[in-house]
PDB file of N, CA and C in Angstrom:
ATOM      1  N   MET A   1      49.979  26.493 -29.845  1.00  0.00           N
ATOM      2  CA  MET A   1      48.978  26.962 -28.892  1.00  0.00           C
ATOM      3  C   MET A   1      47.673  27.199 -29.657  1.00  0.00           C
ATOM      4  N   VAL A   2      46.607  26.655 -29.133  1.00  0.00           N
ATOM      5  CA  VAL A   2      45.278  26.815 -29.701  1.00  0.00           C
ATOM      6  C   VAL A   2      44.493  27.744 -28.776  1.00  0.00           C
ATOM      7  N   THR A   3      43.781  28.703 -29.356  1.00  0.00           N
ATOM      8  CA  THR A   3      42.976  29.619 -28.540  1.00  0.00           C
ATOM      9  C   THR A   3      41.564  29.719 -29.097  1.00  0.00           C
ATOM     10  N   ARG A   4      40.645  30.065 -28.233  1.00  0.00           N
ATOM     11  CA  ARG A   4      39.250  30.339 -28.604  1.00  0.00           C
ATOM     12  C   ARG A   4      38.798  31.549 -27.801  1.00  0.00           C
ATOM     13  N   THR A   5      38.142  32.472 -28.459  1.00  0.00           N
ATOM     14  CA  THR A   5      37.501  33.582 -27.764  1.00  0.00           C
ATOM     15  C   THR A   5      36.018  33.284 -27.732  1.00  0.00           C
ATOM     16  N   VAL A   6      35.454  33.326 -26.531  1.00  0.00           N
ATOM     17  CA  VAL A   6      34.097  32.840 -26.297  1.00  0.00           C
ATOM     18  C   VAL A   6      33.296  33.899 -25.550  1.00  0.00           C
ATOM     19  N   ARG A   7      32.025  34.063 -25.946  1.00  0.00           N
ATOM     20  CA  ARG A   7      31.106  34.963 -25.235  1.00  0.00           C
ATOM     21  C   ARG A   7      30.303  34.134 -24.235  1.00  0.00           C
ATOM     22  N   ILE A   8      30.262  34.568 -22.992  1.00  0.00           N
ATOM     23  CA  ILE A   8      29.604  33.830 -21.915  1.00  0.00           C
ATOM     24  C   ILE A   8      28.089  33.859 -22.105  1.00  0.00           C
ATOM     25  N   GLY A   9      27.466  32.674 -22.058  1.00  0.00           N
ATOM     26  CA  GLY A   9      26.040  32.552 -22.305  1.00  0.00           C
ATOM     27  C   GLY A   9      25.180  32.476 -21.057  1.00  0.00           C
ATOM     28  N   SER A  10      25.750  32.100 -19.905  1.00  0.00           N
ATOM     29  CA  SER A  10      24.941  32.007 -18.687  1.00  0.00           C
ATOM     30  C   SER A  10      24.479  33.396 -18.268  1.00  0.00           C
ATOM     31  N   SER A  11      23.189  33.535 -18.043  1.00  0.00           N
ATOM     32  CA  SER A  11      22.610  34.850 -17.778  1.00  0.00           C
ATOM     33  C   SER A  11      23.119  35.513 -16.509  1.00  0.00           C
ATOM     34  N   HIS A  12      23.743  34.742 -15.621  1.00  0.00           N
ATOM     35  CA  HIS A  12      24.326  35.326 -14.408  1.00  0.00           C
ATOM     36  C   HIS A  12      25.847  35.179 -14.399  1.00  0.00           C
ATOM     37  N   GLY A  13      26.432  34.909 -15.549  1.00  0.00           N
ATOM     38  CA  GLY A  13      27.879  34.801 -15.662  1.00  0.00           C
ATOM     39  C   GLY A  13      28.415  33.495 -15.103  1.00  0.00           C
ATOM     40  N   LEU A  14      29.720  33.486 -14.828  1.00  0.00           N
ATOM     41  CA  LEU A  14      30.358  32.275 -14.312  1.00  0.00           C
ATOM     42  C   LEU A  14      30.353  32.300 -12.786  1.00  0.00           C
ATOM     43  N   HIS A  15      29.170  32.179 -12.220  1.00  0.00           N
ATOM     44  CA  HIS A  15      29.050  32.055 -10.770  1.00  0.00           C
ATOM     45  C   HIS A  15      29.259  30.586 -10.407  1.00  0.00           C
ATOM     46  N   ALA A  16      28.980  30.208  -9.181  1.00  0.00           N
ATOM     47  CA  ALA A  16      29.367  28.896  -8.652  1.00  0.00           C
ATOM     48  C   ALA A  16      28.975  27.698  -9.523  1.00  0.00           C
ATOM     49  N   ARG A  17      27.712  27.575  -9.921  1.00  0.00           N
ATOM     50  CA  ARG A  17      27.288  26.361 -10.634  1.00  0.00           C
ATOM     51  C   ARG A  17      27.915  26.236 -12.022  1.00  0.00           C
ATOM     52  N   PRO A  18      27.799  27.258 -12.890  1.00  0.00           N
ATOM     53  CA  PRO A  18      28.445  27.098 -14.200  1.00  0.00           C
ATOM     54  C   PRO A  18      29.972  27.041 -14.102  1.00  0.00           C
ATOM     55  N   ALA A  19      30.545  27.738 -13.124  1.00  0.00           N
ATOM     56  CA  ALA A  19      31.997  27.677 -12.950  1.00  0.00           C
ATOM     57  C   ALA A  19      32.417  26.271 -12.533  1.00  0.00           C
ATOM     58  N   LYS A  20      31.614  25.627 -11.691  1.00  0.00           N
ATOM     59  CA  LYS A  20      31.918  24.263 -11.262  1.00  0.00           C
ATOM     60  C   LYS A  20      31.882  23.301 -12.452  1.00  0.00           C
ATOM     61  N   LEU A  21      30.838  23.408 -13.289  1.00  0.00           N
ATOM     62  CA  LEU A  21      30.745  22.553 -14.476  1.00  0.00           C
ATOM     63  C   LEU A  21      31.951  22.755 -15.384  1.00  0.00           C
ATOM     64  N   PHE A  22      32.314  24.016 -15.593  1.00  0.00           N
ATOM     65  CA  PHE A  22      33.435  24.354 -16.471  1.00  0.00           C
ATOM     66  C   PHE A  22      34.759  23.839 -15.913  1.00  0.00           C
ATOM     67  N   THR A  23      35.021  24.099 -14.628  1.00  0.00           N
ATOM     68  CA  THR A  23      36.308  23.697 -14.051  1.00  0.00           C
ATOM     69  C   THR A  23      36.438  22.180 -13.948  1.00  0.00           C
ATOM     70  N   GLN A  24      35.333  21.482 -13.704  1.00  0.00           N
ATOM     71  CA  GLN A  24      35.386  20.015 -13.678  1.00  0.00           C
ATOM     72  C   GLN A  24      35.752  19.468 -15.052  1.00  0.00           C
ATOM     73  N   ALA A  25      35.164  20.041 -16.098  1.00  0.00           N
ATOM     74  CA  ALA A  25      35.489  19.598 -17.460  1.00  0.00           C
ATOM     75  C   ALA A  25      36.937  19.938 -17.806  1.00  0.00           C
ATOM     76  N   ALA A  26      37.403  21.106 -17.378  1.00  0.00           N
ATOM     77  CA  ALA A  26      38.797  21.498 -17.645  1.00  0.00           C
ATOM     78  C   ALA A  26      39.766  20.576 -16.908  1.00  0.00           C
ATOM     79  N   ALA A  27      39.424  20.210 -15.680  1.00  0.00           N
ATOM     80  CA  ALA A  27      40.286  19.320 -14.905  1.00  0.00           C
ATOM     81  C   ALA A  27      40.354  17.924 -15.526  1.00  0.00           C
ATOM     82  N   ALA A  28      39.265  17.488 -16.152  1.00  0.00           N
ATOM     83  CA  ALA A  28      39.216  16.166 -16.774  1.00  0.00           C
ATOM     84  C   ALA A  28      39.862  16.142 -18.163  1.00  0.00           C
ATOM     85  N   ALA A  29      40.139  17.308 -18.710  1.00  0.00           N
ATOM     86  CA  ALA A  29      40.708  17.397 -20.059  1.00  0.00           C
ATOM     87  C   ALA A  29      42.136  16.840 -20.075  1.00  0.00           C
ATOM     88  N   PRO A  30      42.542  16.271 -21.198  1.00  0.00           N
ATOM     89  CA  PRO A  30      43.888  15.711 -21.286  1.00  0.00           C
ATOM     90  C   PRO A  30      44.988  16.771 -21.392  1.00  0.00           C
ATOM     91  N   ASN A  31      44.604  18.015 -21.659  1.00  0.00           N
ATOM     92  CA  ASN A  31      45.574  19.089 -21.822  1.00  0.00           C
ATOM     93  C   ASN A  31      45.295  20.188 -20.789  1.00  0.00           C
ATOM     94  N   PRO A  32      46.334  20.846 -20.275  1.00  0.00           N
ATOM     95  CA  PRO A  32      46.094  21.992 -19.400  1.00  0.00           C
ATOM     96  C   PRO A  32      45.450  23.126 -20.198  1.00  0.00           C
ATOM     97  N   VAL A  33      44.523  23.838 -19.554  1.00  0.00           N
ATOM     98  CA  VAL A  33      43.790  24.921 -20.207  1.00  0.00           C
ATOM     99  C   VAL A  33      43.861  26.153 -19.316  1.00  0.00           C
ATOM    100  N   THR A  34      44.019  27.317 -19.952  1.00  0.00           N
ATOM    101  CA  THR A  34      43.929  28.572 -19.217  1.00  0.00           C
ATOM    102  C   THR A  34      42.743  29.366 -19.744  1.00  0.00           C
ATOM    103  N   ILE A  35      42.230  30.269 -18.889  1.00  0.00           N
ATOM    104  CA  ILE A  35      41.139  31.152 -19.265  1.00  0.00           C
ATOM    105  C   ILE A  35      41.513  32.562 -18.818  1.00  0.00           C
ATOM    106  N   ALA A  36      41.233  33.543 -19.667  1.00  0.00           N
ATOM    107  CA  ALA A  36      41.528  34.938 -19.354  1.00  0.00           C
ATOM    108  C   ALA A  36      40.346  35.797 -19.782  1.00  0.00           C
ATOM    109  N   LYS A  37      40.072  36.833 -19.011  1.00  0.00           N
ATOM    110  CA  LYS A  37      39.016  37.790 -19.343  1.00  0.00           C
ATOM    111  C   LYS A  37      39.681  39.051 -19.872  1.00  0.00           C
ATOM    112  N   GLY A  38      39.267  39.456 -21.082  1.00  0.00           N
ATOM    113  CA  GLY A  38      39.839  40.663 -21.671  1.00  0.00           C
ATOM    114  C   GLY A  38      41.343  40.565 -21.772  1.00  0.00           C
ATOM    115  N   ASP A  39      42.007  41.639 -21.359  1.00  0.00           N
ATOM    116  CA  ASP A  39      43.469  41.662 -21.398  1.00  0.00           C
ATOM    117  C   ASP A  39      44.073  41.223 -20.071  1.00  0.00           C
ATOM    118  N   GLY A  40      43.241  40.613 -19.224  1.00  0.00           N
ATOM    119  CA  GLY A  40      43.692  40.217 -17.895  1.00  0.00           C
ATOM    120  C   GLY A  40      44.590  39.006 -17.897  1.00  0.00           C
ATOM    121  N   LYS A  41      45.062  38.682 -16.723  1.00  0.00           N
ATOM    122  CA  LYS A  41      45.949  37.555 -16.523  1.00  0.00           C
ATOM    123  C   LYS A  41      45.190  36.243 -16.709  1.00  0.00           C
ATOM    124  N   ALA A  42      45.827  35.290 -17.344  1.00  0.00           N
ATOM    125  CA  ALA A  42      45.233  33.968 -17.543  1.00  0.00           C
ATOM    126  C   ALA A  42      45.346  33.164 -16.256  1.00  0.00           C
ATOM    127  N   VAL A  43      44.293  32.412 -15.955  1.00  0.00           N
ATOM    128  CA  VAL A  43      44.295  31.530 -14.780  1.00  0.00           C
ATOM    129  C   VAL A  43      44.052  30.093 -15.246  1.00  0.00           C
ATOM    130  N   ASN A  44      44.392  29.163 -14.392  1.00  0.00           N
ATOM    131  CA  ASN A  44      44.171  27.748 -14.659  1.00  0.00           C
ATOM    132  C   ASN A  44      42.660  27.506 -14.747  1.00  0.00           C
ATOM    133  N   ALA A  45      42.202  26.984 -15.859  1.00  0.00           N
ATOM    134  CA  ALA A  45      40.770  26.761 -16.061  1.00  0.00           C
ATOM    135  C   ALA A  45      40.217  25.662 -15.159  1.00  0.00           C
ATOM    136  N   ALA A  46      41.074  24.858 -14.555  1.00  0.00           N
ATOM    137  CA  ALA A  46      40.623  23.803 -13.652  1.00  0.00           C
ATOM    138  C   ALA A  46      40.489  24.294 -12.210  1.00  0.00           C
ATOM    139  N   SER A  47      40.826  25.554 -11.958  1.00  0.00           N
ATOM    140  CA  SER A  47      40.760  26.124 -10.609  1.00  0.00           C
ATOM    141  C   SER A  47      39.478  26.933 -10.445  1.00  0.00           C
ATOM    142  N   ILE A  48      38.549  26.445  -9.625  1.00  0.00           N
ATOM    143  CA  ILE A  48      37.289  27.165  -9.450  1.00  0.00           C
ATOM    144  C   ILE A  48      37.523  28.534  -8.819  1.00  0.00           C
ATOM    145  N   LEU A  49      38.460  28.633  -7.893  1.00  0.00           N
ATOM    146  CA  LEU A  49      38.756  29.935  -7.291  1.00  0.00           C
ATOM    147  C   LEU A  49      39.339  30.904  -8.321  1.00  0.00           C
ATOM    148  N   GLY A  50      40.217  30.395  -9.166  1.00  0.00           N
ATOM    149  CA  GLY A  50      40.790  31.228 -10.219  1.00  0.00           C
ATOM    150  C   GLY A  50      39.735  31.711 -11.192  1.00  0.00           C
ATOM    151  N   VAL A  51      38.857  30.816 -11.616  1.00  0.00           N
ATOM    152  CA  VAL A  51      37.809  31.163 -12.577  1.00  0.00           C
ATOM    153  C   VAL A  51      36.832  32.176 -11.971  1.00  0.00           C
ATOM    154  N   ILE A  52      36.382  31.928 -10.748  1.00  0.00           N
ATOM    155  CA  ILE A  52      35.443  32.855 -10.107  1.00  0.00           C
ATOM    156  C   ILE A  52      36.093  34.215  -9.867  1.00  0.00           C
ATOM    157  N   SER A  53      37.396  34.229  -9.575  1.00  0.00           N
ATOM    158  CA  SER A  53      38.089  35.493  -9.317  1.00  0.00           C
ATOM    159  C   SER A  53      38.129  36.407 -10.541  1.00  0.00           C
ATOM    160  N   LEU A  54      37.913  35.846 -11.729  1.00  0.00           N
ATOM    161  CA  LEU A  54      37.902  36.675 -12.939  1.00  0.00           C
ATOM    162  C   LEU A  54      36.679  37.592 -12.998  1.00  0.00           C
ATOM    163  N   GLY A  55      35.621  37.249 -12.267  1.00  0.00           N
ATOM    164  CA  GLY A  55      34.414  38.074 -12.263  1.00  0.00           C
ATOM    165  C   GLY A  55      33.727  38.133 -13.616  1.00  0.00           C
ATOM    166  N   VAL A  56      33.611  37.002 -14.274  1.00  0.00           N
ATOM    167  CA  VAL A  56      33.046  36.941 -15.618  1.00  0.00           C
ATOM    168  C   VAL A  56      31.521  37.032 -15.546  1.00  0.00           C
ATOM    169  N   GLU A  57      30.960  37.994 -16.288  1.00  0.00           N
ATOM    170  CA  GLU A  57      29.520  38.237 -16.328  1.00  0.00           C
ATOM    171  C   GLU A  57      28.944  37.800 -17.673  1.00  0.00           C
ATOM    172  N   PHE A  58      27.614  37.728 -17.738  1.00  0.00           N
ATOM    173  CA  PHE A  58      26.918  37.412 -18.987  1.00  0.00           C
ATOM    174  C   PHE A  58      27.384  38.373 -20.086  1.00  0.00           C
ATOM    175  N   GLY A  59      27.698  37.833 -21.241  1.00  0.00           N
ATOM    176  CA  GLY A  59      28.090  38.639 -22.390  1.00  0.00           C
ATOM    177  C   GLY A  59      29.564  38.994 -22.451  1.00  0.00           C
ATOM    178  N   ASP A  60      30.303  38.758 -21.360  1.00  0.00           N
ATOM    179  CA  ASP A  60      31.744  39.006 -21.380  1.00  0.00           C
ATOM    180  C   ASP A  60      32.421  38.022 -22.329  1.00  0.00           C
ATOM    181  N   TYR A  61      33.559  38.437 -22.840  1.00  0.00           N
ATOM    182  CA  TYR A  61      34.371  37.562 -23.680  1.00  0.00           C
ATOM    183  C   TYR A  61      35.561  37.055 -22.878  1.00  0.00           C
ATOM    184  N   VAL A  62      35.836  35.779 -23.014  1.00  0.00           N
ATOM    185  CA  VAL A  62      37.006  35.171 -22.395  1.00  0.00           C
ATOM    186  C   VAL A  62      37.801  34.456 -23.479  1.00  0.00           C
ATOM    187  N   THR A  63      39.076  34.258 -23.205  1.00  0.00           N
ATOM    188  CA  THR A  63      39.938  33.534 -24.137  1.00  0.00           C
ATOM    189  C   THR A  63      40.445  32.274 -23.459  1.00  0.00           C
ATOM    190  N   LEU A  64      40.200  31.159 -24.106  1.00  0.00           N
ATOM    191  CA  LEU A  64      40.694  29.859 -23.654  1.00  0.00           C
ATOM    192  C   LEU A  64      41.944  29.518 -24.446  1.00  0.00           C
ATOM    193  N   SER A  65      42.927  28.921 -23.790  1.00  0.00           N
ATOM    194  CA  SER A  65      44.160  28.517 -24.465  1.00  0.00           C
ATOM    195  C   SER A  65      44.573  27.135 -23.989  1.00  0.00           C
ATOM    196  N   SER A  66      45.101  26.357 -24.924  1.00  0.00           N
ATOM    197  CA  SER A  66      45.612  25.030 -24.609  1.00  0.00           C
ATOM    198  C   SER A  66      46.590  24.635 -25.700  1.00  0.00           C
ATOM    199  N   GLU A  67      47.385  23.634 -25.415  1.00  0.00           N
ATOM    200  CA  GLU A  67      48.289  23.128 -26.445  1.00  0.00           C
ATOM    201  C   GLU A  67      48.482  21.637 -26.286  1.00  0.00           C
ATOM    202  N   GLY A  68      48.951  21.035 -27.343  1.00  0.00           N
ATOM    203  CA  GLY A  68      49.186  19.603 -27.338  1.00  0.00           C
ATOM    204  C   GLY A  68      48.144  18.864 -28.152  1.00  0.00           C
ATOM    205  N   ASP A  69      48.329  17.544 -28.236  1.00  0.00           N
ATOM    206  CA  ASP A  69      47.393  16.702 -28.967  1.00  0.00           C
ATOM    207  C   ASP A  69      46.014  16.794 -28.328  1.00  0.00           C
ATOM    208  N   GLY A  70      45.008  17.013 -29.144  1.00  0.00           N
ATOM    209  CA  GLY A  70      43.646  17.082 -28.651  1.00  0.00           C
ATOM    210  C   GLY A  70      43.223  18.439 -28.127  1.00  0.00           C
ATOM    211  N   ALA A  71      44.080  19.446 -28.258  1.00  0.00           N
ATOM    212  CA  ALA A  71      43.747  20.775 -27.741  1.00  0.00           C
ATOM    213  C   ALA A  71      42.502  21.351 -28.411  1.00  0.00           C
ATOM    214  N   ASP A  72      42.363  21.139 -29.710  1.00  0.00           N
ATOM    215  CA  ASP A  72      41.173  21.639 -30.421  1.00  0.00           C
ATOM    216  C   ASP A  72      39.901  21.030 -29.851  1.00  0.00           C
ATOM    217  N   ALA A  73      39.892  19.734 -29.662  1.00  0.00           N
ATOM    218  CA  ALA A  73      38.709  19.045 -29.131  1.00  0.00           C
ATOM    219  C   ALA A  73      38.412  19.494 -27.701  1.00  0.00           C
ATOM    220  N   THR A  74      39.457  19.659 -26.909  1.00  0.00           N
ATOM    221  CA  THR A  74      39.277  20.129 -25.533  1.00  0.00           C
ATOM    222  C   THR A  74      38.615  21.501 -25.517  1.00  0.00           C
ATOM    223  N   LEU A  75      39.129  22.415 -26.334  1.00  0.00           N
ATOM    224  CA  LEU A  75      38.564  23.767 -26.348  1.00  0.00           C
ATOM    225  C   LEU A  75      37.167  23.786 -26.949  1.00  0.00           C
ATOM    226  N   ASP A  76      36.883  22.901 -27.891  1.00  0.00           N
ATOM    227  CA  ASP A  76      35.519  22.799 -28.434  1.00  0.00           C
ATOM    228  C   ASP A  76      34.536  22.427 -27.328  1.00  0.00           C
ATOM    229  N   GLU A  77      34.898  21.449 -26.505  1.00  0.00           N
ATOM    230  CA  GLU A  77      34.031  20.998 -25.416  1.00  0.00           C
ATOM    231  C   GLU A  77      33.830  22.105 -24.378  1.00  0.00           C
ATOM    232  N   LEU A  78      34.908  22.776 -24.009  1.00  0.00           N
ATOM    233  CA  LEU A  78      34.809  23.836 -23.005  1.00  0.00           C
ATOM    234  C   LEU A  78      34.057  25.047 -23.539  1.00  0.00           C
ATOM    235  N   THR A  79      34.219  25.336 -24.820  1.00  0.00           N
ATOM    236  CA  THR A  79      33.489  26.439 -25.442  1.00  0.00           C
ATOM    237  C   THR A  79      31.991  26.190 -25.352  1.00  0.00           C
ATOM    238  N   GLU A  80      31.578  24.965 -25.625  1.00  0.00           N
ATOM    239  CA  GLU A  80      30.151  24.621 -25.561  1.00  0.00           C
ATOM    240  C   GLU A  80      29.596  24.873 -24.161  1.00  0.00           C
ATOM    241  N   LEU A  81      30.354  24.549 -23.137  1.00  0.00           N
ATOM    242  CA  LEU A  81      29.903  24.797 -21.765  1.00  0.00           C
ATOM    243  C   LEU A  81      29.746  26.292 -21.489  1.00  0.00           C
ATOM    244  N   LEU A  82      30.656  27.102 -22.032  1.00  0.00           N
ATOM    245  CA  LEU A  82      30.612  28.536 -21.749  1.00  0.00           C
ATOM    246  C   LEU A  82      29.516  29.275 -22.505  1.00  0.00           C
ATOM    247  N   VAL A  83      29.162  28.822 -23.694  1.00  0.00           N
ATOM    248  CA  VAL A  83      28.127  29.529 -24.462  1.00  0.00           C
ATOM    249  C   VAL A  83      26.719  29.108 -24.055  1.00  0.00           C
ATOM    250  N   THR A  84      26.604  28.030 -23.302  1.00  0.00           N
ATOM    251  CA  THR A  84      25.311  27.531 -22.859  1.00  0.00           C
ATOM    252  C   THR A  84      24.836  28.319 -21.634  1.00  0.00           C
ATOM    253  N   ASP A  85      23.534  28.645 -21.596  1.00  0.00           N
ATOM    254  CA  ASP A  85      22.964  29.334 -20.434  1.00  0.00           C
ATOM    255  C   ASP A  85      22.576  28.288 -19.396  1.00  0.00           C
ATOM    256  N   HIS A  86      23.421  28.132 -18.391  1.00  0.00           N
ATOM    257  CA  HIS A  86      23.171  27.162 -17.328  1.00  0.00           C
ATOM    258  C   HIS A  86      22.201  27.703 -16.275  1.00  0.00           C
ATOM    259  N   ASP A  87      21.732  28.928 -16.455  1.00  0.00           N
ATOM    260  CA  ASP A  87      20.815  29.553 -15.500  1.00  0.00           C
ATOM    261  C   ASP A  87      19.363  29.471 -15.964  1.00  0.00           C
ATOM    262  N   GLN A  88      19.106  28.866 -17.112  1.00  0.00           N
ATOM    263  CA  GLN A  88      17.733  28.714 -17.581  1.00  0.00           C
ATOM    264  C   GLN A  88      16.959  27.790 -16.651  1.00  0.00           C
ATOM    265  N   ALA A  89      15.703  28.139 -16.452  1.00  0.00           N
ATOM    266  CA  ALA A  89      14.856  27.299 -15.581  1.00  0.00           C
ATOM    267  C   ALA A  89      14.384  26.067 -16.296  1.00  0.00           C
TER     268      ALA A  89
END
């Protein structure tokens, strides 16, 4: 199992637009990925409802987990999406 702890970079957190970008990338990944906020329950990273239900705000830390061949590359790509501020004008 490969994990990454990531600080959210979007200034308004994982609301609809950044959550959509993230979940689309997770769904396209070759490995299943989960995301969890703090000590909370992990949800499927490809589920927009699951991701939005976490209530992730700017500066919050989340943990991504995946396993299998290519898990490191998958989490690297998803990490980049989460640290980027998608709310910049």
